[in-house]
Amino acid sequence: MSEWLPVIIIGFAIALVLGPVMWLKPNQRDSRLADLRGRAARAGITVQIQALPEALGEGTAAVYYYRWKDRKRLQIGWKLQRQRITHEMNFAGSWDWGNSVRAPQAAWQQLHQLLDSLPADCCAIIATDVGLGVQWQENGGVKAFSQLSESLAEYTPLIEESVRKISPIKLPEN
């Protein structure tokens, strides 16, 4: 037994060193999310973590924001959220406004088109001073990210112009 004691002590010491190191190693899901968020950063997309819409329960999901070109005079503060049920009174199927602020009607056609182009696990569209954001549960990998980023790149400029407050035209005084 005494000849095994040094081997047992060395094995225990190695386990003490490797245990914490293995805890620090990211799991497969964390590596996948880091890759997606790295791709977003390289594409100029800002990622923030926010609470899920109430209808979807508790938890969080990433919001991928495509920045506005010109943040001046935009009607922002509105949010479209996925609802539990599909209803004809909703904005579009299972999507409805998340607060009392709604996007201007001039943007509704582009919003419908954006909704049709997004990955299935998107749960909100948010207009803030950061930009136009899509809350996404990050399933579907690189293919779904490409679909999301292409949709944001295509529709953000269109929606930006549709939600811009028109400055009153000043007529020359006679």
C-alpha atoms as a PDB file:
ATOM      1  CA  MET A   1       0.000   0.000   0.000  1.00  0.00           C
ATOM      2  CA  SER A   2       2.830   2.419   0.810  1.00  0.00           C
ATOM      3  CA  GLU A   3       4.165   2.148  -2.759  1.00  0.00           C
ATOM      4  CA  TRP A   4       0.769   3.321  -4.135  1.00  0.00           C
ATOM      5  CA  LEU A   5       0.536   6.323  -1.814  1.00  0.00           C
ATOM      6  CA  PRO A   6       2.779   8.640  -3.956  1.00  0.00           C
ATOM      7  CA  VAL A   7       0.805   7.682  -7.101  1.00  0.00           C
ATOM      8  CA  ILE A   8      -2.490   8.472  -5.368  1.00  0.00           C
ATOM      9  CA  ILE A   9      -1.168  11.813  -4.104  1.00  0.00           C
ATOM     10  CA  ILE A  10       0.127  12.769  -7.584  1.00  0.00           C
ATOM     11  CA  GLY A  11      -3.200  11.758  -9.155  1.00  0.00           C
ATOM     12  CA  PHE A  12      -5.093  13.826  -6.594  1.00  0.00           C
ATOM     13  CA  ALA A  13      -2.823  16.845  -7.234  1.00  0.00           C
ATOM     14  CA  ILE A  14      -3.383  16.578 -10.990  1.00  0.00           C
ATOM     15  CA  ALA A  15      -7.138  16.419 -10.436  1.00  0.00           C
ATOM     16  CA  LEU A  16      -6.960  19.536  -8.247  1.00  0.00           C
ATOM     17  CA  VAL A  17      -5.175  21.424 -11.024  1.00  0.00           C
ATOM     18  CA  LEU A  18      -7.242  20.163 -13.987  1.00  0.00           C
ATOM     19  CA  GLY A  19     -10.649  20.505 -12.311  1.00  0.00           C
ATOM     20  CA  PRO A  20     -10.804  24.322 -12.294  1.00  0.00           C
ATOM     21  CA  VAL A  21      -9.238  24.483 -15.753  1.00  0.00           C
ATOM     22  CA  MET A  22     -12.036  22.309 -17.150  1.00  0.00           C
ATOM     23  CA  TRP A  23     -14.611  24.623 -15.537  1.00  0.00           C
ATOM     24  CA  LEU A  24     -13.103  27.575 -17.410  1.00  0.00           C
ATOM     25  CA  LYS A  25     -13.256  25.847 -20.782  1.00  0.00           C
ATOM     26  CA  PRO A  26     -16.341  27.048 -22.697  1.00  0.00           C
ATOM     27  CA  ASN A  27     -18.894  24.411 -23.597  1.00  0.00           C
ATOM     28  CA  GLN A  28     -20.087  23.832 -27.165  1.00  0.00           C
ATOM     29  CA  ARG A  29     -23.072  26.199 -26.846  1.00  0.00           C
ATOM     30  CA  ASP A  30     -20.926  29.026 -25.468  1.00  0.00           C
ATOM     31  CA  SER A  31     -18.423  28.556 -28.302  1.00  0.00           C
ATOM     32  CA  ARG A  32     -21.228  28.659 -30.878  1.00  0.00           C
ATOM     33  CA  LEU A  33     -22.699  31.853 -29.360  1.00  0.00           C
ATOM     34  CA  ALA A  34     -19.257  33.480 -29.237  1.00  0.00           C
ATOM     35  CA  ASP A  35     -18.797  32.669 -32.940  1.00  0.00           C
ATOM     36  CA  LEU A  36     -22.214  34.156 -33.850  1.00  0.00           C
ATOM     37  CA  ARG A  37     -21.600  37.304 -31.821  1.00  0.00           C
ATOM     38  CA  GLY A  38     -18.114  37.648 -33.300  1.00  0.00           C
ATOM     39  CA  ARG A  39     -19.614  37.460 -36.779  1.00  0.00           C
ATOM     40  CA  ALA A  40     -22.131  40.125 -35.742  1.00  0.00           C
ATOM     41  CA  ALA A  41     -19.366  42.436 -34.518  1.00  0.00           C
ATOM     42  CA  ARG A  42     -17.451  42.008 -37.796  1.00  0.00           C
ATOM     43  CA  ALA A  43     -20.660  42.861 -39.697  1.00  0.00           C
ATOM     44  CA  GLY A  44     -21.125  46.065 -37.657  1.00  0.00           C
ATOM     45  CA  ILE A  45     -24.049  44.655 -35.668  1.00  0.00           C
ATOM     46  CA  THR A  46     -24.286  45.453 -31.948  1.00  0.00           C
ATOM     47  CA  VAL A  47     -25.477  42.643 -29.649  1.00  0.00           C
ATOM     48  CA  GLN A  48     -27.227  43.223 -26.309  1.00  0.00           C
ATOM     49  CA  ILE A  49     -28.925  40.727 -24.003  1.00  0.00           C
ATOM     50  CA  GLN A  50     -32.495  41.600 -22.976  1.00  0.00           C
ATOM     51  CA  ALA A  51     -35.424  39.892 -21.286  1.00  0.00           C
ATOM     52  CA  LEU A  52     -37.753  37.888 -23.520  1.00  0.00           C
ATOM     53  CA  PRO A  53     -41.182  39.353 -24.315  1.00  0.00           C
ATOM     54  CA  GLU A  54     -43.693  38.576 -21.555  1.00  0.00           C
ATOM     55  CA  ALA A  55     -45.712  36.266 -23.774  1.00  0.00           C
ATOM     56  CA  LEU A  56     -42.688  33.966 -24.194  1.00  0.00           C
ATOM     57  CA  GLY A  57     -42.020  33.538 -20.485  1.00  0.00           C
ATOM     58  CA  GLU A  58     -38.936  34.224 -18.435  1.00  0.00           C
ATOM     59  CA  GLY A  59     -35.416  34.268 -19.723  1.00  0.00           C
ATOM     60  CA  THR A  60     -33.238  36.343 -21.997  1.00  0.00           C
ATOM     61  CA  ALA A  61     -32.230  36.453 -25.632  1.00  0.00           C
ATOM     62  CA  ALA A  62     -29.769  38.487 -27.671  1.00  0.00           C
ATOM     63  CA  VAL A  63     -30.918  41.572 -29.566  1.00  0.00           C
ATOM     64  CA  TYR A  64     -28.938  42.153 -32.765  1.00  0.00           C
ATOM     65  CA  TYR A  65     -28.970  45.908 -33.574  1.00  0.00           C
ATOM     66  CA  TYR A  66     -28.209  47.287 -37.011  1.00  0.00           C
ATOM     67  CA  ARG A  67     -27.313  50.925 -36.459  1.00  0.00           C
ATOM     68  CA  TRP A  68     -29.228  53.828 -37.986  1.00  0.00           C
ATOM     69  CA  LYS A  69     -27.327  55.883 -40.572  1.00  0.00           C
ATOM     70  CA  ASP A  70     -28.709  59.172 -39.158  1.00  0.00           C
ATOM     71  CA  ARG A  71     -30.338  59.003 -35.712  1.00  0.00           C
ATOM     72  CA  LYS A  72     -31.859  62.484 -35.928  1.00  0.00           C
ATOM     73  CA  ARG A  73     -35.650  62.934 -35.961  1.00  0.00           C
ATOM     74  CA  LEU A  74     -36.557  59.225 -35.787  1.00  0.00           C
ATOM     75  CA  GLN A  75     -39.800  57.998 -34.269  1.00  0.00           C
ATOM     76  CA  ILE A  76     -38.408  55.261 -32.054  1.00  0.00           C
ATOM     77  CA  GLY A  77     -39.390  53.551 -28.820  1.00  0.00           C
ATOM     78  CA  TRP A  78     -41.708  51.028 -30.459  1.00  0.00           C
ATOM     79  CA  LYS A  79     -41.479  47.277 -30.197  1.00  0.00           C
ATOM     80  CA  LEU A  80     -43.112  44.415 -32.088  1.00  0.00           C
ATOM     81  CA  GLN A  81     -43.250  41.205 -30.065  1.00  0.00           C
ATOM     82  CA  ARG A  82     -44.170  37.633 -30.772  1.00  0.00           C
ATOM     83  CA  GLN A  83     -47.378  36.689 -28.927  1.00  0.00           C
ATOM     84  CA  ARG A  84     -48.505  33.296 -27.626  1.00  0.00           C
ATOM     85  CA  ILE A  85     -51.405  33.061 -30.054  1.00  0.00           C
ATOM     86  CA  THR A  86     -52.115  34.132 -33.596  1.00  0.00           C
ATOM     87  CA  HIS A  87     -55.001  36.569 -33.815  1.00  0.00           C
ATOM     88  CA  GLU A  88     -56.408  38.774 -36.556  1.00  0.00           C
ATOM     89  CA  MET A  89     -56.306  41.781 -34.210  1.00  0.00           C
ATOM     90  CA  ASN A  90     -52.511  41.478 -33.967  1.00  0.00           C
ATOM     91  CA  PHE A  91     -50.245  43.480 -36.252  1.00  0.00           C
ATOM     92  CA  ALA A  92     -49.229  40.377 -38.205  1.00  0.00           C
ATOM     93  CA  GLY A  93     -50.326  36.886 -37.187  1.00  0.00           C
ATOM     94  CA  SER A  94     -48.596  36.238 -33.867  1.00  0.00           C
ATOM     95  CA  TRP A  95     -46.809  39.629 -33.842  1.00  0.00           C
ATOM     96  CA  ASP A  96     -48.216  42.651 -32.019  1.00  0.00           C
ATOM     97  CA  TRP A  97     -47.055  45.900 -30.448  1.00  0.00           C
ATOM     98  CA  GLY A  98     -45.269  45.468 -27.126  1.00  0.00           C
ATOM     99  CA  ASN A  99     -46.201  48.864 -25.731  1.00  0.00           C
ATOM    100  CA  SER A 100     -48.461  51.804 -26.484  1.00  0.00           C
ATOM    101  CA  VAL A 101     -45.947  53.275 -28.956  1.00  0.00           C
ATOM    102  CA  ARG A 102     -46.331  52.029 -32.519  1.00  0.00           C
ATOM    103  CA  ALA A 103     -44.194  52.512 -35.572  1.00  0.00           C
ATOM    104  CA  PRO A 104     -45.550  55.055 -38.061  1.00  0.00           C
ATOM    105  CA  GLN A 105     -47.863  53.471 -40.613  1.00  0.00           C
ATOM    106  CA  ALA A 106     -45.395  54.398 -43.358  1.00  0.00           C
ATOM    107  CA  ALA A 107     -43.107  51.633 -41.992  1.00  0.00           C
ATOM    108  CA  TRP A 108     -45.731  48.907 -41.671  1.00  0.00           C
ATOM    109  CA  GLN A 109     -45.223  47.416 -45.154  1.00  0.00           C
ATOM    110  CA  GLN A 110     -41.446  47.112 -44.598  1.00  0.00           C
ATOM    111  CA  LEU A 111     -42.067  45.652 -41.123  1.00  0.00           C
ATOM    112  CA  HIS A 112     -44.335  42.970 -42.614  1.00  0.00           C
ATOM    113  CA  GLN A 113     -41.635  42.145 -45.162  1.00  0.00           C
ATOM    114  CA  LEU A 114     -38.953  42.072 -42.464  1.00  0.00           C
ATOM    115  CA  LEU A 115     -41.051  39.687 -40.354  1.00  0.00           C
ATOM    116  CA  ASP A 116     -41.397  37.339 -43.331  1.00  0.00           C
ATOM    117  CA  SER A 117     -37.635  37.306 -43.898  1.00  0.00           C
ATOM    118  CA  LEU A 118     -36.469  36.572 -40.327  1.00  0.00           C
ATOM    119  CA  PRO A 119     -35.468  33.215 -38.807  1.00  0.00           C
ATOM    120  CA  ALA A 120     -38.320  31.430 -37.042  1.00  0.00           C
ATOM    121  CA  ASP A 121     -36.921  31.894 -33.529  1.00  0.00           C
ATOM    122  CA  CYS A 122     -36.925  35.700 -33.612  1.00  0.00           C
ATOM    123  CA  CYS A 123     -39.159  37.084 -30.904  1.00  0.00           C
ATOM    124  CA  ALA A 124     -39.104  40.898 -31.111  1.00  0.00           C
ATOM    125  CA  ILE A 125     -38.265  43.855 -33.335  1.00  0.00           C
ATOM    126  CA  ILE A 126     -37.131  46.889 -31.375  1.00  0.00           C
ATOM    127  CA  ALA A 127     -36.489  50.471 -32.499  1.00  0.00           C
ATOM    128  CA  THR A 128     -34.212  52.363 -30.110  1.00  0.00           C
ATOM    129  CA  ASP A 129     -31.666  55.115 -30.430  1.00  0.00           C
ATOM    130  CA  VAL A 130     -29.045  52.369 -30.968  1.00  0.00           C
ATOM    131  CA  GLY A 131     -30.740  51.176 -34.150  1.00  0.00           C
ATOM    132  CA  LEU A 132     -33.239  48.627 -35.397  1.00  0.00           C
ATOM    133  CA  GLY A 133     -32.881  45.459 -33.363  1.00  0.00           C
ATOM    134  CA  VAL A 134     -34.141  41.924 -33.720  1.00  0.00           C
ATOM    135  CA  GLN A 135     -34.330  39.779 -30.604  1.00  0.00           C
ATOM    136  CA  TRP A 136     -33.214  36.316 -31.604  1.00  0.00           C
ATOM    137  CA  GLN A 137     -32.855  33.132 -29.575  1.00  0.00           C
ATOM    138  CA  GLU A 138     -29.747  32.262 -31.619  1.00  0.00           C
ATOM    139  CA  ASN A 139     -30.824  28.870 -32.904  1.00  0.00           C
ATOM    140  CA  GLY A 140     -30.074  27.785 -36.454  1.00  0.00           C
ATOM    141  CA  GLY A 141     -26.377  28.625 -36.417  1.00  0.00           C
ATOM    142  CA  VAL A 142     -24.500  30.503 -39.113  1.00  0.00           C
ATOM    143  CA  LYS A 143     -27.219  30.009 -41.735  1.00  0.00           C
ATOM    144  CA  ALA A 144     -29.857  31.668 -39.535  1.00  0.00           C
ATOM    145  CA  PHE A 145     -27.402  34.449 -38.606  1.00  0.00           C
ATOM    146  CA  SER A 146     -26.762  35.136 -42.298  1.00  0.00           C
ATOM    147  CA  GLN A 147     -30.511  35.315 -42.902  1.00  0.00           C
ATOM    148  CA  LEU A 148     -30.906  37.706 -39.957  1.00  0.00           C
ATOM    149  CA  SER A 149     -28.003  39.984 -40.899  1.00  0.00           C
ATOM    150  CA  GLU A 150     -29.071  40.175 -44.562  1.00  0.00           C
ATOM    151  CA  SER A 151     -32.630  41.055 -43.510  1.00  0.00           C
ATOM    152  CA  LEU A 152     -31.417  43.760 -41.129  1.00  0.00           C
ATOM    153  CA  ALA A 153     -29.065  45.209 -43.760  1.00  0.00           C
ATOM    154  CA  GLU A 154     -31.858  45.306 -46.344  1.00  0.00           C
ATOM    155  CA  TYR A 155     -34.749  46.619 -44.258  1.00  0.00           C
ATOM    156  CA  THR A 156     -33.115  48.933 -41.697  1.00  0.00           C
ATOM    157  CA  PRO A 157     -32.449  51.766 -44.198  1.00  0.00           C
ATOM    158  CA  LEU A 158     -35.997  51.456 -45.576  1.00  0.00           C
ATOM    159  CA  ILE A 159     -37.573  51.465 -42.128  1.00  0.00           C
ATOM    160  CA  GLU A 160     -35.282  54.306 -41.034  1.00  0.00           C
ATOM    161  CA  GLU A 161     -36.620  56.560 -43.776  1.00  0.00           C
ATOM    162  CA  SER A 162     -40.196  55.495 -43.017  1.00  0.00           C
ATOM    163  CA  VAL A 163     -39.916  56.410 -39.323  1.00  0.00           C
ATOM    164  CA  ARG A 164     -38.145  59.731 -39.876  1.00  0.00           C
ATOM    165  CA  LYS A 165     -40.153  62.731 -38.717  1.00  0.00           C
ATOM    166  CA  ILE A 166     -40.638  65.104 -41.587  1.00  0.00           C
ATOM    167  CA  SER A 167     -39.399  68.601 -40.856  1.00  0.00           C
ATOM    168  CA  PRO A 168     -41.961  71.284 -41.546  1.00  0.00           C
ATOM    169  CA  ILE A 169     -41.224  73.216 -44.720  1.00  0.00           C
ATOM    170  CA  LYS A 170     -40.557  76.861 -44.049  1.00  0.00           C
ATOM    171  CA  LEU A 171     -42.001  79.127 -46.648  1.00  0.00           C
ATOM    172  CA  PRO A 172     -40.215  82.374 -47.436  1.00  0.00           C
ATOM    173  CA  GLU A 173     -41.803  85.369 -45.807  1.00  0.00           C
ATOM    174  CA  ASN A 174     -43.102  88.029 -48.202  1.00  0.00           C
END
